[in-house]
Amino acid sequence: MHPLLVHATVVLTPLTALAVALAALWPAARRRMGWAPPIAAVIVAGLVPITVLAGRSLAETVGYTPPVLRHEALGLMLIPWTIALLVAAVLVQLQDRMLRRVAPATARILRIVITAAAVIAAVGTIVVTVLTGDAGARAVWGGM
């Protein structure tokens, strides 16, 4: 099951991260995409742990070699990043409603903080996804 789930994870996770960053940086894009980035972030935040569990099952079958252990460690690191991405996606989507209730100066600061958090979560998620995928590919194909 892991090889099938990996492909969904490797495609959906970076696309979701890019959508969240775009929504954070470009208000017009945020309005056009609506709730798609937060919904995709929920899917990714659920898909990654399922992929990790399937990977553990596969690792028990093929053995815990050093490349497999590195891939597993990176996969586990992806879980908190996708949770951060989910939180950021929801904050980005709700920020206009939330920030109407505070003073303009405070709203400006909070908008910068939310945008920065979303971009950091998106970049971190993409980086860890790429590193995890690379380590997995090396674990599978490295000996060839």
N, C-alpha and C. Protein backbone atom coordinates (compact mmCIF):
# COMPACT_ATOMS: atom_id res chain seq x y z
N MET A 1 0.81 -1.19 0.00
CA MET A 1 0.00 0.00 0.00
C MET A 1 0.87 1.27 0.00
N HIS A 2 2.02 1.21 0.66
CA HIS A 2 2.88 2.39 0.76
C HIS A 2 3.26 2.97 -0.60
N PRO A 3 3.68 2.15 -1.57
CA PRO A 3 4.06 2.73 -2.87
C PRO A 3 2.91 3.49 -3.54
N LEU A 4 1.67 3.05 -3.35
CA LEU A 4 0.54 3.77 -3.94
C LEU A 4 0.27 5.08 -3.20
N LEU A 5 0.29 5.02 -1.88
CA LEU A 5 0.04 6.22 -1.07
C LEU A 5 1.12 7.28 -1.27
N VAL A 6 2.35 6.82 -1.48
CA VAL A 6 3.47 7.76 -1.65
C VAL A 6 3.22 8.68 -2.84
N HIS A 7 2.72 8.13 -3.92
CA HIS A 7 2.51 8.96 -5.10
C HIS A 7 1.47 10.05 -4.85
N ALA A 8 0.41 9.71 -4.15
CA ALA A 8 -0.59 10.73 -3.80
C ALA A 8 0.02 11.78 -2.88
N THR A 9 0.80 11.33 -1.91
CA THR A 9 1.43 12.24 -0.95
C THR A 9 2.42 13.17 -1.64
N VAL A 10 3.23 12.63 -2.52
CA VAL A 10 4.27 13.42 -3.18
C VAL A 10 3.68 14.46 -4.13
N VAL A 11 2.49 14.19 -4.66
CA VAL A 11 1.85 15.16 -5.54
C VAL A 11 1.01 16.17 -4.75
N LEU A 12 0.16 15.67 -3.86
CA LEU A 12 -0.78 16.55 -3.16
C LEU A 12 -0.11 17.47 -2.14
N THR A 13 0.90 16.97 -1.45
CA THR A 13 1.51 17.78 -0.39
C THR A 13 2.16 19.06 -0.92
N PRO A 14 3.05 18.98 -1.91
CA PRO A 14 3.62 20.24 -2.41
C PRO A 14 2.58 21.16 -3.08
N LEU A 15 1.62 20.57 -3.79
CA LEU A 15 0.59 21.40 -4.42
C LEU A 15 -0.24 22.15 -3.37
N THR A 16 -0.56 21.46 -2.29
CA THR A 16 -1.31 22.09 -1.21
C THR A 16 -0.47 23.20 -0.57
N ALA A 17 0.80 22.92 -0.33
CA ALA A 17 1.68 23.92 0.27
C ALA A 17 1.79 25.16 -0.63
N LEU A 18 1.92 24.95 -1.92
CA LEU A 18 1.98 26.09 -2.85
C LEU A 18 0.67 26.88 -2.83
N ALA A 19 -0.47 26.18 -2.77
CA ALA A 19 -1.76 26.86 -2.72
C ALA A 19 -1.91 27.69 -1.45
N VAL A 20 -1.45 27.15 -0.32
CA VAL A 20 -1.53 27.88 0.94
C VAL A 20 -0.64 29.13 0.89
N ALA A 21 0.57 28.98 0.38
CA ALA A 21 1.47 30.14 0.27
C ALA A 21 0.89 31.19 -0.67
N LEU A 22 0.34 30.75 -1.79
CA LEU A 22 -0.26 31.67 -2.74
C LEU A 22 -1.45 32.41 -2.11
N ALA A 23 -2.28 31.68 -1.40
CA ALA A 23 -3.42 32.30 -0.72
C ALA A 23 -2.97 33.30 0.33
N ALA A 24 -1.87 33.01 1.00
CA ALA A 24 -1.36 33.91 2.04
C ALA A 24 -0.78 35.19 1.43
N LEU A 25 -0.13 35.05 0.30
CA LEU A 25 0.58 36.19 -0.30
C LEU A 25 -0.28 37.02 -1.25
N TRP A 26 -1.34 36.42 -1.78
CA TRP A 26 -2.13 37.10 -2.81
C TRP A 26 -3.61 37.02 -2.47
N PRO A 27 -4.17 38.09 -1.90
CA PRO A 27 -5.58 38.07 -1.47
C PRO A 27 -6.57 37.70 -2.58
N ALA A 28 -6.32 38.14 -3.81
CA ALA A 28 -7.23 37.80 -4.91
C ALA A 28 -7.24 36.28 -5.15
N ALA A 29 -6.09 35.67 -5.06
CA ALA A 29 -6.02 34.21 -5.22
C ALA A 29 -6.73 33.52 -4.07
N ARG A 30 -6.59 34.08 -2.87
CA ARG A 30 -7.27 33.51 -1.69
C ARG A 30 -8.78 33.51 -1.90
N ARG A 31 -9.29 34.61 -2.43
CA ARG A 31 -10.73 34.69 -2.67
C ARG A 31 -11.18 33.72 -3.75
N ARG A 32 -10.38 33.58 -4.80
CA ARG A 32 -10.74 32.67 -5.91
C ARG A 32 -10.68 31.21 -5.48
N MET A 33 -9.66 30.86 -4.68
CA MET A 33 -9.51 29.45 -4.26
C MET A 33 -10.47 29.08 -3.15
N GLY A 34 -10.93 30.07 -2.40
CA GLY A 34 -11.87 29.80 -1.32
C GLY A 34 -11.31 28.81 -0.31
N TRP A 35 -12.11 27.82 0.03
CA TRP A 35 -11.74 26.85 1.05
C TRP A 35 -10.93 25.68 0.50
N ALA A 36 -10.56 25.71 -0.78
CA ALA A 36 -9.79 24.60 -1.37
C ALA A 36 -8.46 24.35 -0.64
N PRO A 37 -7.65 25.38 -0.36
CA PRO A 37 -6.39 25.10 0.35
C PRO A 37 -6.58 24.49 1.74
N PRO A 38 -7.48 25.02 2.59
CA PRO A 38 -7.67 24.36 3.89
C PRO A 38 -8.21 22.93 3.76
N ILE A 39 -9.10 22.70 2.82
CA ILE A 39 -9.63 21.34 2.63
C ILE A 39 -8.52 20.41 2.16
N ALA A 40 -7.70 20.87 1.22
CA ALA A 40 -6.57 20.07 0.76
C ALA A 40 -5.59 19.82 1.91
N ALA A 41 -5.41 20.82 2.78
CA ALA A 41 -4.50 20.66 3.92
C ALA A 41 -5.03 19.61 4.90
N VAL A 42 -6.35 19.53 5.06
CA VAL A 42 -6.94 18.48 5.91
C VAL A 42 -6.64 17.11 5.30
N ILE A 43 -6.81 17.00 3.99
CA ILE A 43 -6.55 15.72 3.31
C ILE A 43 -5.09 15.33 3.47
N VAL A 44 -4.19 16.28 3.24
CA VAL A 44 -2.75 16.00 3.35
C VAL A 44 -2.37 15.63 4.79
N ALA A 45 -2.94 16.36 5.76
CA ALA A 45 -2.62 16.08 7.17
C ALA A 45 -3.11 14.70 7.58
N GLY A 46 -4.11 14.17 6.91
CA GLY A 46 -4.56 12.80 7.16
C GLY A 46 -3.81 11.78 6.34
N LEU A 47 -3.46 12.15 5.12
CA LEU A 47 -2.77 11.23 4.20
C LEU A 47 -1.35 10.91 4.65
N VAL A 48 -0.64 11.89 5.15
CA VAL A 48 0.77 11.68 5.53
C VAL A 48 0.90 10.63 6.65
N PRO A 49 0.17 10.70 7.75
CA PRO A 49 0.31 9.66 8.77
C PRO A 49 -0.09 8.26 8.27
N ILE A 50 -1.10 8.20 7.39
CA ILE A 50 -1.49 6.91 6.83
C ILE A 50 -0.36 6.35 5.97
N THR A 51 0.29 7.22 5.21
CA THR A 51 1.43 6.81 4.38
C THR A 51 2.58 6.34 5.26
N VAL A 52 2.83 7.03 6.37
CA VAL A 52 3.89 6.63 7.31
C VAL A 52 3.58 5.25 7.90
N LEU A 53 2.34 5.03 8.29
CA LEU A 53 1.97 3.72 8.85
C LEU A 53 2.14 2.61 7.82
N ALA A 54 1.74 2.88 6.60
CA ALA A 54 1.92 1.88 5.54
C ALA A 54 3.41 1.65 5.29
N GLY A 55 4.22 2.69 5.41
CA GLY A 55 5.67 2.55 5.24
C GLY A 55 6.29 1.71 6.34
N ARG A 56 5.79 1.86 7.54
CA ARG A 56 6.31 1.04 8.65
C ARG A 56 6.00 -0.43 8.40
N SER A 57 4.82 -0.70 7.90
CA SER A 57 4.45 -2.07 7.59
C SER A 57 5.37 -2.64 6.50
N LEU A 58 5.65 -1.83 5.50
CA LEU A 58 6.56 -2.25 4.43
C LEU A 58 7.97 -2.45 4.96
N ALA A 59 8.42 -1.57 5.85
CA ALA A 59 9.77 -1.67 6.41
C ALA A 59 9.94 -2.96 7.21
N GLU A 60 8.88 -3.39 7.89
CA GLU A 60 8.96 -4.66 8.62
C GLU A 60 9.17 -5.83 7.67
N THR A 61 8.65 -5.71 6.46
CA THR A 61 8.80 -6.77 5.47
C THR A 61 10.18 -6.73 4.82
N VAL A 62 10.65 -5.56 4.41
CA VAL A 62 11.92 -5.46 3.68
C VAL A 62 13.12 -5.32 4.59
N GLY A 63 12.88 -4.92 5.84
CA GLY A 63 13.98 -4.76 6.78
C GLY A 63 14.34 -3.31 7.01
N TYR A 64 14.84 -3.05 8.21
CA TYR A 64 15.19 -1.68 8.60
C TYR A 64 16.66 -1.43 8.30
N THR A 65 16.95 -1.15 7.04
CA THR A 65 18.31 -0.80 6.64
C THR A 65 18.54 0.68 6.94
N PRO A 66 19.79 1.14 6.95
CA PRO A 66 20.03 2.57 7.20
C PRO A 66 19.28 3.50 6.24
N PRO A 67 19.22 3.21 4.93
CA PRO A 67 18.44 4.11 4.06
C PRO A 67 16.94 4.10 4.40
N VAL A 68 16.41 2.95 4.79
CA VAL A 68 14.99 2.87 5.17
C VAL A 68 14.76 3.66 6.45
N LEU A 69 15.67 3.56 7.41
CA LEU A 69 15.54 4.30 8.66
C LEU A 69 15.59 5.82 8.42
N ARG A 70 16.46 6.25 7.51
CA ARG A 70 16.53 7.69 7.19
C ARG A 70 15.22 8.15 6.55
N HIS A 71 14.71 7.35 5.62
CA HIS A 71 13.44 7.68 4.96
C HIS A 71 12.31 7.74 5.99
N GLU A 72 12.29 6.80 6.90
CA GLU A 72 11.25 6.77 7.93
C GLU A 72 11.35 8.01 8.84
N ALA A 73 12.56 8.36 9.24
CA ALA A 73 12.74 9.53 10.11
C ALA A 73 12.25 10.80 9.42
N LEU A 74 12.56 10.94 8.15
CA LEU A 74 12.09 12.12 7.41
C LEU A 74 10.58 12.10 7.24
N GLY A 75 10.01 10.92 6.99
CA GLY A 75 8.56 10.80 6.88
C GLY A 75 7.87 11.21 8.16
N LEU A 76 8.44 10.82 9.28
CA LEU A 76 7.87 11.22 10.58
C LEU A 76 7.97 12.73 10.78
N MET A 77 9.04 13.34 10.27
CA MET A 77 9.19 14.81 10.37
C MET A 77 8.13 15.54 9.55
N LEU A 78 7.61 14.88 8.53
CA LEU A 78 6.62 15.53 7.68
C LEU A 78 5.28 15.71 8.39
N ILE A 79 4.98 14.85 9.35
CA ILE A 79 3.69 14.94 10.05
C ILE A 79 3.49 16.30 10.73
N PRO A 80 4.42 16.77 11.56
CA PRO A 80 4.19 18.10 12.18
C PRO A 80 4.17 19.24 11.16
N TRP A 81 4.91 19.10 10.08
CA TRP A 81 4.90 20.15 9.05
C TRP A 81 3.52 20.24 8.40
N THR A 82 2.89 19.08 8.14
CA THR A 82 1.57 19.12 7.51
C THR A 82 0.51 19.63 8.49
N ILE A 83 0.71 19.38 9.76
CA ILE A 83 -0.21 19.94 10.77
C ILE A 83 -0.05 21.46 10.81
N ALA A 84 1.18 21.93 10.79
CA ALA A 84 1.43 23.38 10.75
C ALA A 84 0.82 23.99 9.48
N LEU A 85 0.94 23.29 8.37
CA LEU A 85 0.36 23.77 7.12
C LEU A 85 -1.16 23.86 7.23
N LEU A 86 -1.78 22.89 7.86
CA LEU A 86 -3.23 22.92 8.07
C LEU A 86 -3.64 24.12 8.92
N VAL A 87 -2.95 24.33 10.02
CA VAL A 87 -3.26 25.48 10.90
C VAL A 87 -3.09 26.78 10.12
N ALA A 88 -2.00 26.89 9.38
CA ALA A 88 -1.74 28.10 8.60
C ALA A 88 -2.82 28.30 7.54
N ALA A 89 -3.24 27.22 6.88
CA ALA A 89 -4.26 27.33 5.83
C ALA A 89 -5.57 27.85 6.40
N VAL A 90 -5.94 27.37 7.57
CA VAL A 90 -7.19 27.83 8.20
C VAL A 90 -7.06 29.30 8.63
N LEU A 91 -5.92 29.65 9.22
CA LEU A 91 -5.71 31.05 9.63
C LEU A 91 -5.73 31.99 8.43
N VAL A 92 -5.10 31.59 7.35
CA VAL A 92 -5.10 32.42 6.13
C VAL A 92 -6.53 32.61 5.64
N GLN A 93 -7.30 31.54 5.62
CA GLN A 93 -8.66 31.62 5.11
C GLN A 93 -9.56 32.48 6.00
N LEU A 94 -9.34 32.42 7.30
CA LEU A 94 -10.21 33.15 8.24
C LEU A 94 -9.70 34.53 8.62
N GLN A 95 -8.50 34.89 8.17
CA GLN A 95 -7.89 36.12 8.67
C GLN A 95 -8.72 37.38 8.40
N ASP A 96 -9.35 37.47 7.24
CA ASP A 96 -10.11 38.69 6.96
C ASP A 96 -11.25 38.87 7.97
N ARG A 97 -11.94 37.79 8.30
CA ARG A 97 -13.03 37.86 9.28
C ARG A 97 -12.50 38.16 10.67
N MET A 98 -11.41 37.49 11.04
CA MET A 98 -10.85 37.67 12.39
C MET A 98 -10.29 39.07 12.59
N LEU A 99 -9.63 39.59 11.57
CA LEU A 99 -8.90 40.85 11.74
C LEU A 99 -9.80 42.08 11.64
N ARG A 100 -11.04 41.92 11.24
CA ARG A 100 -11.98 43.04 11.24
C ARG A 100 -12.29 43.52 12.65
N ARG A 101 -12.08 42.64 13.61
CA ARG A 101 -12.47 42.92 15.00
C ARG A 101 -11.36 43.58 15.83
N VAL A 102 -10.21 43.80 15.23
CA VAL A 102 -9.10 44.40 15.99
C VAL A 102 -8.71 45.73 15.36
N ALA A 103 -7.92 46.47 16.08
CA ALA A 103 -7.45 47.78 15.60
C ALA A 103 -6.63 47.60 14.32
N PRO A 104 -6.66 48.59 13.42
CA PRO A 104 -5.94 48.47 12.15
C PRO A 104 -4.45 48.18 12.31
N ALA A 105 -3.80 48.80 13.27
CA ALA A 105 -2.36 48.55 13.46
C ALA A 105 -2.12 47.11 13.90
N THR A 106 -2.97 46.62 14.78
CA THR A 106 -2.86 45.23 15.23
C THR A 106 -3.17 44.28 14.08
N ALA A 107 -4.18 44.61 13.29
CA ALA A 107 -4.55 43.78 12.14
C ALA A 107 -3.39 43.67 11.16
N ARG A 108 -2.70 44.77 10.93
CA ARG A 108 -1.56 44.77 10.00
C ARG A 108 -0.46 43.83 10.50
N ILE A 109 -0.17 43.90 11.78
CA ILE A 109 0.87 43.04 12.37
C ILE A 109 0.45 41.57 12.30
N LEU A 110 -0.80 41.31 12.67
CA LEU A 110 -1.28 39.92 12.63
C LEU A 110 -1.30 39.37 11.21
N ARG A 111 -1.64 40.20 10.25
CA ARG A 111 -1.65 39.77 8.85
C ARG A 111 -0.23 39.37 8.41
N ILE A 112 0.76 40.14 8.83
CA ILE A 112 2.15 39.83 8.50
C ILE A 112 2.57 38.51 9.17
N VAL A 113 2.18 38.34 10.42
CA VAL A 113 2.52 37.11 11.16
C VAL A 113 1.87 35.89 10.51
N ILE A 114 0.59 36.00 10.15
CA ILE A 114 -0.11 34.88 9.53
C ILE A 114 0.51 34.55 8.17
N THR A 115 0.81 35.58 7.39
CA THR A 115 1.44 35.35 6.08
C THR A 115 2.80 34.69 6.23
N ALA A 116 3.60 35.19 7.16
CA ALA A 116 4.93 34.60 7.38
C ALA A 116 4.81 33.16 7.85
N ALA A 117 3.90 32.89 8.76
CA ALA A 117 3.71 31.52 9.25
C ALA A 117 3.28 30.59 8.12
N ALA A 118 2.39 31.07 7.26
CA ALA A 118 1.92 30.25 6.14
C ALA A 118 3.06 29.95 5.16
N VAL A 119 3.85 30.96 4.85
CA VAL A 119 4.95 30.75 3.91
C VAL A 119 6.00 29.81 4.52
N ILE A 120 6.32 30.00 5.78
CA ILE A 120 7.29 29.12 6.45
C ILE A 120 6.76 27.69 6.49
N ALA A 121 5.49 27.51 6.82
CA ALA A 121 4.91 26.16 6.85
C ALA A 121 4.92 25.54 5.46
N ALA A 122 4.62 26.33 4.44
CA ALA A 122 4.60 25.82 3.07
C ALA A 122 6.00 25.41 2.61
N VAL A 123 6.96 26.29 2.84
CA VAL A 123 8.34 25.99 2.42
C VAL A 123 8.88 24.78 3.19
N GLY A 124 8.67 24.75 4.50
CA GLY A 124 9.13 23.61 5.30
C GLY A 124 8.50 22.31 4.85
N THR A 125 7.20 22.35 4.55
CA THR A 125 6.50 21.16 4.10
C THR A 125 7.07 20.67 2.77
N ILE A 126 7.30 21.58 1.85
CA ILE A 126 7.85 21.19 0.55
C ILE A 126 9.25 20.62 0.70
N VAL A 127 10.09 21.27 1.49
CA VAL A 127 11.47 20.80 1.68
C VAL A 127 11.49 19.39 2.29
N VAL A 128 10.71 19.18 3.34
CA VAL A 128 10.71 17.86 3.99
C VAL A 128 10.08 16.81 3.07
N THR A 129 9.10 17.19 2.27
CA THR A 129 8.51 16.25 1.31
C THR A 129 9.55 15.81 0.29
N VAL A 130 10.30 16.76 -0.24
CA VAL A 130 11.33 16.44 -1.23
C VAL A 130 12.43 15.58 -0.61
N LEU A 131 12.88 15.95 0.58
CA LEU A 131 13.92 15.16 1.25
C LEU A 131 13.44 13.73 1.55
N THR A 132 12.18 13.61 1.99
CA THR A 132 11.63 12.29 2.29
C THR A 132 11.51 11.46 1.03
N GLY A 133 11.00 12.06 -0.02
CA GLY A 133 10.88 11.34 -1.30
C GLY A 133 12.22 10.91 -1.85
N ASP A 134 13.21 11.80 -1.76
CA ASP A 134 14.55 11.46 -2.22
C ASP A 134 15.13 10.31 -1.41
N ALA A 135 14.97 10.36 -0.09
CA ALA A 135 15.49 9.28 0.76
C ALA A 135 14.78 7.96 0.45
N GLY A 136 13.48 8.03 0.17
CA GLY A 136 12.75 6.81 -0.19
C GLY A 136 13.22 6.25 -1.51
N ALA A 137 13.43 7.11 -2.48
CA ALA A 137 13.93 6.66 -3.78
C ALA A 137 15.32 6.03 -3.64
N ARG A 138 16.15 6.65 -2.82
CA ARG A 138 17.49 6.08 -2.59
C ARG A 138 17.42 4.75 -1.87
N ALA A 139 16.45 4.63 -0.94
CA ALA A 139 16.29 3.35 -0.22
C ALA A 139 15.87 2.24 -1.17
N VAL A 140 15.05 2.59 -2.16
CA VAL A 140 14.56 1.58 -3.11
C VAL A 140 15.58 1.34 -4.22
N TRP A 141 16.09 2.41 -4.80
CA TRP A 141 16.91 2.29 -6.00
C TRP A 141 18.40 2.51 -5.77
N GLY A 142 18.80 2.88 -4.57
CA GLY A 142 20.19 3.22 -4.29
C GLY A 142 21.19 2.11 -4.55
N GLY A 143 20.78 0.87 -4.35
CA GLY A 143 21.69 -0.26 -4.55
C GLY A 143 21.80 -0.72 -5.99
N MET A 144 21.07 -0.09 -6.88
CA MET A 144 21.05 -0.53 -8.29
C MET A 144 22.16 0.10 -9.08
